[in-house]
Amino acid sequence: MAHKIGMGSLLFCPDCGTLLSLPGDEETIKCEQCGHLEPVSSYENFEVTTRSHPDAFPSALRQKRTTQTKAHASVDIGTKSQEACPKCGHPESFYFEKQTRGADEGSTIFYTCANSKCKHGWKVNN
């Protein structure tokens, strides 16, 4: 006797593996590929078990549960410049440049006051 193959609520031909149409009022299901006739009665007590891998359906809650950590490779505070701090007036600051907007727009320059007591930060869009 051929082994019945089911996946989810789908039924497959035991001879060639083709997907079978779900039974209606007929007494047999005919495989459209190989012509095999499968009696509907053999599927009357057919139990379907479906399992999904936990990662098969991403969950917004599961994604929020994870923690992301960013490690800084170095303590590079930028390049020293003669840009005065707008908060304390110190004549020097450190800066680094980053592309934060569209490629057709200028970069953004991030400044940090060189005064160890101030450390005020600001940015300028180029």
N, C-alpha and C. Protein backbone atom coordinates (compact mmCIF):
# COMPACT_ATOMS: atom_id res chain seq x y z
N MET A 1 0.85 -1.19 0.00
CA MET A 1 0.00 0.00 0.00
C MET A 1 0.89 1.24 0.00
N ALA A 2 0.53 2.22 -0.80
CA ALA A 2 1.29 3.46 -0.91
C ALA A 2 1.08 4.31 0.34
N HIS A 3 2.07 5.07 0.68
CA HIS A 3 2.06 5.90 1.87
C HIS A 3 1.41 7.25 1.52
N LYS A 4 0.47 7.70 2.34
CA LYS A 4 -0.22 8.97 2.10
C LYS A 4 0.69 10.12 2.52
N ILE A 5 0.76 11.14 1.69
CA ILE A 5 1.61 12.28 1.99
C ILE A 5 0.72 13.51 2.13
N GLY A 6 0.82 14.16 3.28
CA GLY A 6 0.07 15.38 3.52
C GLY A 6 0.97 16.45 4.10
N MET A 7 0.75 17.69 3.73
CA MET A 7 1.52 18.80 4.26
C MET A 7 0.54 19.93 4.49
N GLY A 8 0.35 20.34 5.75
CA GLY A 8 -0.67 21.33 6.05
C GLY A 8 -2.01 20.74 5.69
N SER A 9 -2.83 21.44 4.94
CA SER A 9 -4.11 20.91 4.50
C SER A 9 -4.03 20.47 3.03
N LEU A 10 -2.82 20.26 2.51
CA LEU A 10 -2.64 19.84 1.13
C LEU A 10 -2.47 18.33 1.07
N LEU A 11 -2.99 17.71 0.01
CA LEU A 11 -2.86 16.28 -0.19
C LEU A 11 -2.08 16.04 -1.47
N PHE A 12 -1.15 15.07 -1.44
CA PHE A 12 -0.31 14.77 -2.59
C PHE A 12 -0.51 13.34 -3.04
N CYS A 13 -0.36 13.11 -4.34
CA CYS A 13 -0.48 11.78 -4.93
C CYS A 13 0.60 10.88 -4.34
N PRO A 14 0.23 9.69 -3.86
CA PRO A 14 1.22 8.78 -3.29
C PRO A 14 2.15 8.18 -4.34
N ASP A 15 1.77 8.25 -5.64
CA ASP A 15 2.61 7.68 -6.69
C ASP A 15 3.62 8.68 -7.25
N CYS A 16 3.15 9.90 -7.62
CA CYS A 16 4.05 10.84 -8.28
C CYS A 16 4.31 12.11 -7.48
N GLY A 17 3.58 12.33 -6.40
CA GLY A 17 3.80 13.51 -5.56
C GLY A 17 3.11 14.77 -6.00
N THR A 18 2.25 14.69 -7.05
CA THR A 18 1.53 15.86 -7.53
C THR A 18 0.47 16.27 -6.52
N LEU A 19 0.23 17.57 -6.40
CA LEU A 19 -0.81 18.09 -5.53
C LEU A 19 -2.17 17.62 -6.01
N LEU A 20 -2.97 17.03 -5.11
CA LEU A 20 -4.30 16.55 -5.46
C LEU A 20 -5.35 17.60 -5.13
N SER A 21 -6.42 17.61 -5.90
CA SER A 21 -7.54 18.49 -5.60
C SER A 21 -8.23 18.00 -4.34
N LEU A 22 -8.79 18.94 -3.57
CA LEU A 22 -9.50 18.52 -2.36
C LEU A 22 -10.76 17.77 -2.76
N PRO A 23 -11.11 16.73 -2.01
CA PRO A 23 -12.28 15.94 -2.37
C PRO A 23 -13.58 16.72 -2.19
N GLY A 24 -14.50 16.46 -3.09
CA GLY A 24 -15.84 17.05 -3.00
C GLY A 24 -16.81 15.93 -2.65
N ASP A 25 -17.81 15.69 -3.52
CA ASP A 25 -18.79 14.63 -3.30
C ASP A 25 -18.36 13.31 -3.93
N GLU A 26 -17.29 13.34 -4.76
CA GLU A 26 -16.86 12.11 -5.43
C GLU A 26 -16.25 11.13 -4.43
N GLU A 27 -16.18 9.85 -4.86
CA GLU A 27 -15.66 8.80 -3.99
C GLU A 27 -14.17 8.60 -4.16
N THR A 28 -13.61 9.11 -5.27
CA THR A 28 -12.17 9.00 -5.50
C THR A 28 -11.61 10.34 -5.96
N ILE A 29 -10.33 10.51 -5.71
CA ILE A 29 -9.62 11.70 -6.19
C ILE A 29 -8.67 11.22 -7.28
N LYS A 30 -8.78 11.82 -8.48
CA LYS A 30 -7.92 11.41 -9.59
C LYS A 30 -6.75 12.37 -9.71
N CYS A 31 -5.54 11.81 -9.75
CA CYS A 31 -4.33 12.62 -9.95
C CYS A 31 -4.31 13.06 -11.41
N GLU A 32 -4.22 14.35 -11.64
CA GLU A 32 -4.22 14.89 -12.99
C GLU A 32 -2.92 14.60 -13.73
N GLN A 33 -1.86 14.25 -13.01
CA GLN A 33 -0.57 14.00 -13.63
C GLN A 33 -0.42 12.54 -14.08
N CYS A 34 -0.65 11.60 -13.14
CA CYS A 34 -0.39 10.20 -13.46
C CYS A 34 -1.66 9.36 -13.58
N GLY A 35 -2.82 9.94 -13.21
CA GLY A 35 -4.08 9.21 -13.33
C GLY A 35 -4.40 8.31 -12.14
N HIS A 36 -3.57 8.29 -11.13
CA HIS A 36 -3.82 7.46 -9.94
C HIS A 36 -5.16 7.84 -9.31
N LEU A 37 -5.93 6.83 -8.93
CA LEU A 37 -7.21 7.07 -8.24
C LEU A 37 -7.02 6.77 -6.76
N GLU A 38 -7.26 7.76 -5.95
CA GLU A 38 -7.12 7.62 -4.50
C GLU A 38 -8.51 7.69 -3.89
N PRO A 39 -8.90 6.68 -3.12
CA PRO A 39 -10.23 6.71 -2.50
C PRO A 39 -10.33 7.81 -1.45
N VAL A 40 -11.41 8.55 -1.49
CA VAL A 40 -11.63 9.64 -0.52
C VAL A 40 -11.72 9.07 0.88
N SER A 41 -12.22 7.86 1.02
CA SER A 41 -12.37 7.26 2.34
C SER A 41 -11.02 7.11 3.06
N SER A 42 -9.93 7.03 2.31
CA SER A 42 -8.63 6.89 2.95
C SER A 42 -8.18 8.19 3.63
N TYR A 43 -8.86 9.30 3.32
CA TYR A 43 -8.51 10.58 3.94
C TYR A 43 -9.55 11.03 4.97
N GLU A 44 -10.54 10.19 5.27
CA GLU A 44 -11.58 10.60 6.21
C GLU A 44 -11.03 10.84 7.61
N ASN A 45 -10.12 10.01 8.07
CA ASN A 45 -9.54 10.17 9.39
C ASN A 45 -8.08 10.62 9.30
N PHE A 46 -7.78 11.34 8.27
CA PHE A 46 -6.43 11.82 8.01
C PHE A 46 -6.13 12.98 8.95
N GLU A 47 -5.09 12.85 9.78
CA GLU A 47 -4.73 13.89 10.73
C GLU A 47 -3.63 14.76 10.13
N VAL A 48 -3.84 16.06 10.18
CA VAL A 48 -2.88 17.00 9.63
C VAL A 48 -2.15 17.69 10.78
N THR A 49 -0.83 17.66 10.73
CA THR A 49 -0.02 18.34 11.73
C THR A 49 0.87 19.33 11.00
N THR A 50 0.81 20.57 11.44
CA THR A 50 1.61 21.62 10.81
C THR A 50 2.54 22.21 11.86
N ARG A 51 3.81 22.34 11.48
CA ARG A 51 4.79 22.94 12.38
C ARG A 51 5.53 24.03 11.62
N SER A 52 5.84 25.11 12.32
CA SER A 52 6.61 26.20 11.73
C SER A 52 7.81 26.47 12.61
N HIS A 53 8.91 26.79 11.98
CA HIS A 53 10.11 27.17 12.72
C HIS A 53 9.84 28.51 13.38
N PRO A 54 10.30 28.77 14.60
CA PRO A 54 10.02 30.04 15.29
C PRO A 54 10.45 31.28 14.50
N ASP A 55 11.48 31.15 13.64
CA ASP A 55 11.94 32.29 12.87
C ASP A 55 11.21 32.44 11.53
N ALA A 56 10.26 31.55 11.24
CA ALA A 56 9.57 31.59 9.95
C ALA A 56 8.69 32.83 9.81
N PHE A 57 8.15 33.31 10.91
CA PHE A 57 7.27 34.47 10.88
C PHE A 57 7.82 35.50 11.86
N PRO A 58 8.56 36.51 11.37
CA PRO A 58 9.16 37.50 12.27
C PRO A 58 8.09 38.22 13.09
N SER A 59 8.39 38.44 14.34
CA SER A 59 7.47 39.10 15.24
C SER A 59 8.04 40.44 15.68
N ALA A 60 7.23 41.48 15.63
CA ALA A 60 7.67 42.80 16.07
C ALA A 60 8.02 42.76 17.55
N LEU A 61 7.27 42.01 18.34
CA LEU A 61 7.56 41.90 19.77
C LEU A 61 8.88 41.19 20.00
N ARG A 62 9.15 40.13 19.23
CA ARG A 62 10.40 39.39 19.39
C ARG A 62 11.58 40.29 19.01
N GLN A 63 11.42 41.11 17.98
CA GLN A 63 12.49 42.01 17.57
C GLN A 63 12.76 43.07 18.61
N LYS A 64 11.73 43.57 19.29
CA LYS A 64 11.91 44.57 20.33
C LYS A 64 12.60 43.98 21.55
N ARG A 65 12.45 42.68 21.75
CA ARG A 65 12.99 42.01 22.92
C ARG A 65 14.51 41.90 22.86
N THR A 66 15.08 41.87 21.65
CA THR A 66 16.52 41.73 21.52
C THR A 66 17.22 43.05 21.83
N THR A 67 18.44 42.96 22.27
CA THR A 67 19.22 44.14 22.61
C THR A 67 20.36 44.27 21.62
N GLN A 68 20.54 45.46 21.10
CA GLN A 68 21.64 45.72 20.19
C GLN A 68 22.67 46.57 20.92
N THR A 69 23.93 46.21 20.77
CA THR A 69 25.01 46.93 21.42
C THR A 69 26.00 47.38 20.36
N LYS A 70 26.44 48.59 20.47
CA LYS A 70 27.44 49.10 19.53
C LYS A 70 28.73 49.32 20.28
N ALA A 71 29.78 48.65 19.84
CA ALA A 71 31.09 48.82 20.46
C ALA A 71 31.91 49.80 19.62
N HIS A 72 32.53 50.73 20.26
CA HIS A 72 33.37 51.69 19.56
C HIS A 72 34.79 51.15 19.52
N ALA A 73 35.37 51.09 18.32
CA ALA A 73 36.70 50.52 18.15
C ALA A 73 37.79 51.41 18.72
N SER A 74 37.58 52.71 18.68
CA SER A 74 38.60 53.61 19.19
C SER A 74 37.93 54.80 19.88
N VAL A 75 38.74 55.60 20.52
CA VAL A 75 38.21 56.78 21.20
C VAL A 75 38.54 58.04 20.41
N ASP A 76 38.53 57.95 19.09
CA ASP A 76 38.81 59.09 18.23
C ASP A 76 37.72 60.13 18.41
N ILE A 77 38.11 61.31 18.92
CA ILE A 77 37.12 62.37 19.16
C ILE A 77 37.04 63.34 17.99
N GLY A 78 37.78 63.07 16.94
CA GLY A 78 37.72 63.91 15.75
C GLY A 78 39.00 64.69 15.53
N THR A 79 38.92 65.62 14.61
CA THR A 79 40.04 66.46 14.22
C THR A 79 39.89 67.82 14.88
N LYS A 80 41.00 68.34 15.40
CA LYS A 80 40.95 69.64 16.08
C LYS A 80 40.79 70.74 15.03
N SER A 81 39.94 71.72 15.33
CA SER A 81 39.71 72.84 14.42
C SER A 81 39.70 74.15 15.19
N GLN A 82 39.70 75.24 14.47
CA GLN A 82 39.67 76.58 15.06
C GLN A 82 38.24 77.11 15.14
N GLU A 83 37.26 76.22 15.16
CA GLU A 83 35.83 76.60 15.25
C GLU A 83 35.51 76.90 16.72
N ALA A 84 35.04 78.10 17.00
CA ALA A 84 34.74 78.50 18.37
C ALA A 84 33.43 77.89 18.84
N CYS A 85 33.38 77.54 20.10
CA CYS A 85 32.17 76.96 20.71
C CYS A 85 31.12 78.06 20.88
N PRO A 86 29.89 77.83 20.38
CA PRO A 86 28.85 78.85 20.51
C PRO A 86 28.32 78.97 21.95
N LYS A 87 28.60 77.99 22.79
CA LYS A 87 28.09 78.02 24.17
C LYS A 87 29.05 78.74 25.12
N CYS A 88 30.33 78.34 25.11
CA CYS A 88 31.28 78.92 26.07
C CYS A 88 32.30 79.85 25.43
N GLY A 89 32.39 79.85 24.10
CA GLY A 89 33.31 80.73 23.41
C GLY A 89 34.73 80.20 23.28
N HIS A 90 34.98 79.00 23.74
CA HIS A 90 36.33 78.42 23.62
C HIS A 90 36.72 78.42 22.15
N PRO A 91 37.99 78.80 21.82
CA PRO A 91 38.38 78.99 20.42
C PRO A 91 38.62 77.71 19.62
N GLU A 92 38.65 76.55 20.26
CA GLU A 92 38.92 75.30 19.54
C GLU A 92 37.82 74.27 19.78
N SER A 93 37.67 73.39 18.79
CA SER A 93 36.70 72.29 18.91
C SER A 93 37.22 71.11 18.10
N PHE A 94 36.61 69.98 18.31
CA PHE A 94 36.91 68.78 17.52
C PHE A 94 35.73 68.55 16.58
N TYR A 95 36.01 68.00 15.39
CA TYR A 95 34.92 67.75 14.44
C TYR A 95 35.13 66.44 13.71
N PHE A 96 34.01 65.90 13.22
CA PHE A 96 34.03 64.79 12.27
C PHE A 96 32.89 65.01 11.30
N GLU A 97 33.03 64.46 10.11
CA GLU A 97 32.09 64.67 9.03
C GLU A 97 31.36 63.38 8.73
N LYS A 98 30.05 63.46 8.45
CA LYS A 98 29.25 62.27 8.15
C LYS A 98 28.19 62.62 7.12
N GLN A 99 27.90 61.68 6.23
CA GLN A 99 26.84 61.87 5.23
C GLN A 99 25.53 61.39 5.85
N THR A 100 24.69 62.33 6.29
CA THR A 100 23.44 61.96 6.96
C THR A 100 22.21 62.23 6.11
N ARG A 101 22.39 62.96 5.01
CA ARG A 101 21.27 63.30 4.13
C ARG A 101 21.49 62.63 2.79
N GLY A 102 20.73 62.99 1.80
CA GLY A 102 20.82 62.38 0.47
C GLY A 102 22.19 62.56 -0.15
N ALA A 103 22.54 61.67 -1.06
CA ALA A 103 23.85 61.71 -1.71
C ALA A 103 24.05 62.99 -2.52
N ASP A 104 22.96 63.62 -2.96
CA ASP A 104 23.09 64.85 -3.74
C ASP A 104 23.17 66.09 -2.85
N GLU A 105 23.19 65.91 -1.53
CA GLU A 105 23.30 67.01 -0.59
C GLU A 105 24.64 66.94 0.14
N GLY A 106 25.03 68.03 0.74
CA GLY A 106 26.30 68.08 1.45
C GLY A 106 26.30 67.22 2.70
N SER A 107 27.48 67.04 3.26
CA SER A 107 27.61 66.24 4.47
C SER A 107 27.28 67.08 5.70
N THR A 108 27.18 66.44 6.85
CA THR A 108 26.94 67.12 8.11
C THR A 108 28.22 67.07 8.92
N ILE A 109 28.61 68.20 9.51
CA ILE A 109 29.81 68.26 10.34
C ILE A 109 29.37 68.35 11.79
N PHE A 110 29.85 67.41 12.60
CA PHE A 110 29.53 67.36 14.02
C PHE A 110 30.72 67.93 14.80
N TYR A 111 30.46 68.93 15.65
CA TYR A 111 31.50 69.58 16.46
C TYR A 111 31.30 69.24 17.92
N THR A 112 32.42 69.19 18.66
CA THR A 112 32.40 69.05 20.11
C THR A 112 33.41 70.04 20.67
N CYS A 113 33.01 70.83 21.63
CA CYS A 113 33.88 71.82 22.23
C CYS A 113 35.12 71.15 22.83
N ALA A 114 36.31 71.74 22.60
CA ALA A 114 37.57 71.18 23.12
C ALA A 114 37.77 71.50 24.59
N ASN A 115 36.96 72.39 25.14
CA ASN A 115 37.04 72.74 26.56
C ASN A 115 36.53 71.55 27.38
N SER A 116 37.38 70.97 28.21
CA SER A 116 37.01 69.76 28.96
C SER A 116 35.85 70.00 29.94
N LYS A 117 35.61 71.24 30.33
CA LYS A 117 34.50 71.54 31.23
C LYS A 117 33.18 71.75 30.49
N CYS A 118 33.25 72.07 29.20
CA CYS A 118 32.05 72.37 28.41
C CYS A 118 31.56 71.13 27.63
N LYS A 119 32.36 70.65 26.69
CA LYS A 119 32.03 69.50 25.85
C LYS A 119 30.71 69.65 25.09
N HIS A 120 30.29 70.90 24.84
CA HIS A 120 29.06 71.18 24.10
C HIS A 120 29.18 70.62 22.68
N GLY A 121 28.12 70.05 22.16
CA GLY A 121 28.10 69.50 20.81
C GLY A 121 27.10 70.22 19.93
N TRP A 122 27.46 70.42 18.66
CA TRP A 122 26.55 71.03 17.68
C TRP A 122 26.89 70.50 16.30
N LYS A 123 26.02 70.76 15.36
CA LYS A 123 26.25 70.27 14.00
C LYS A 123 25.95 71.37 12.99
N VAL A 124 26.60 71.24 11.83
CA VAL A 124 26.42 72.19 10.73
C VAL A 124 26.23 71.38 9.46
N ASN A 125 25.16 71.67 8.72
CA ASN A 125 24.92 71.02 7.44
C ASN A 125 25.65 71.78 6.35
N ASN A 126 26.50 71.07 5.61
CA ASN A 126 27.25 71.68 4.50
C ASN A 126 26.36 71.83 3.30
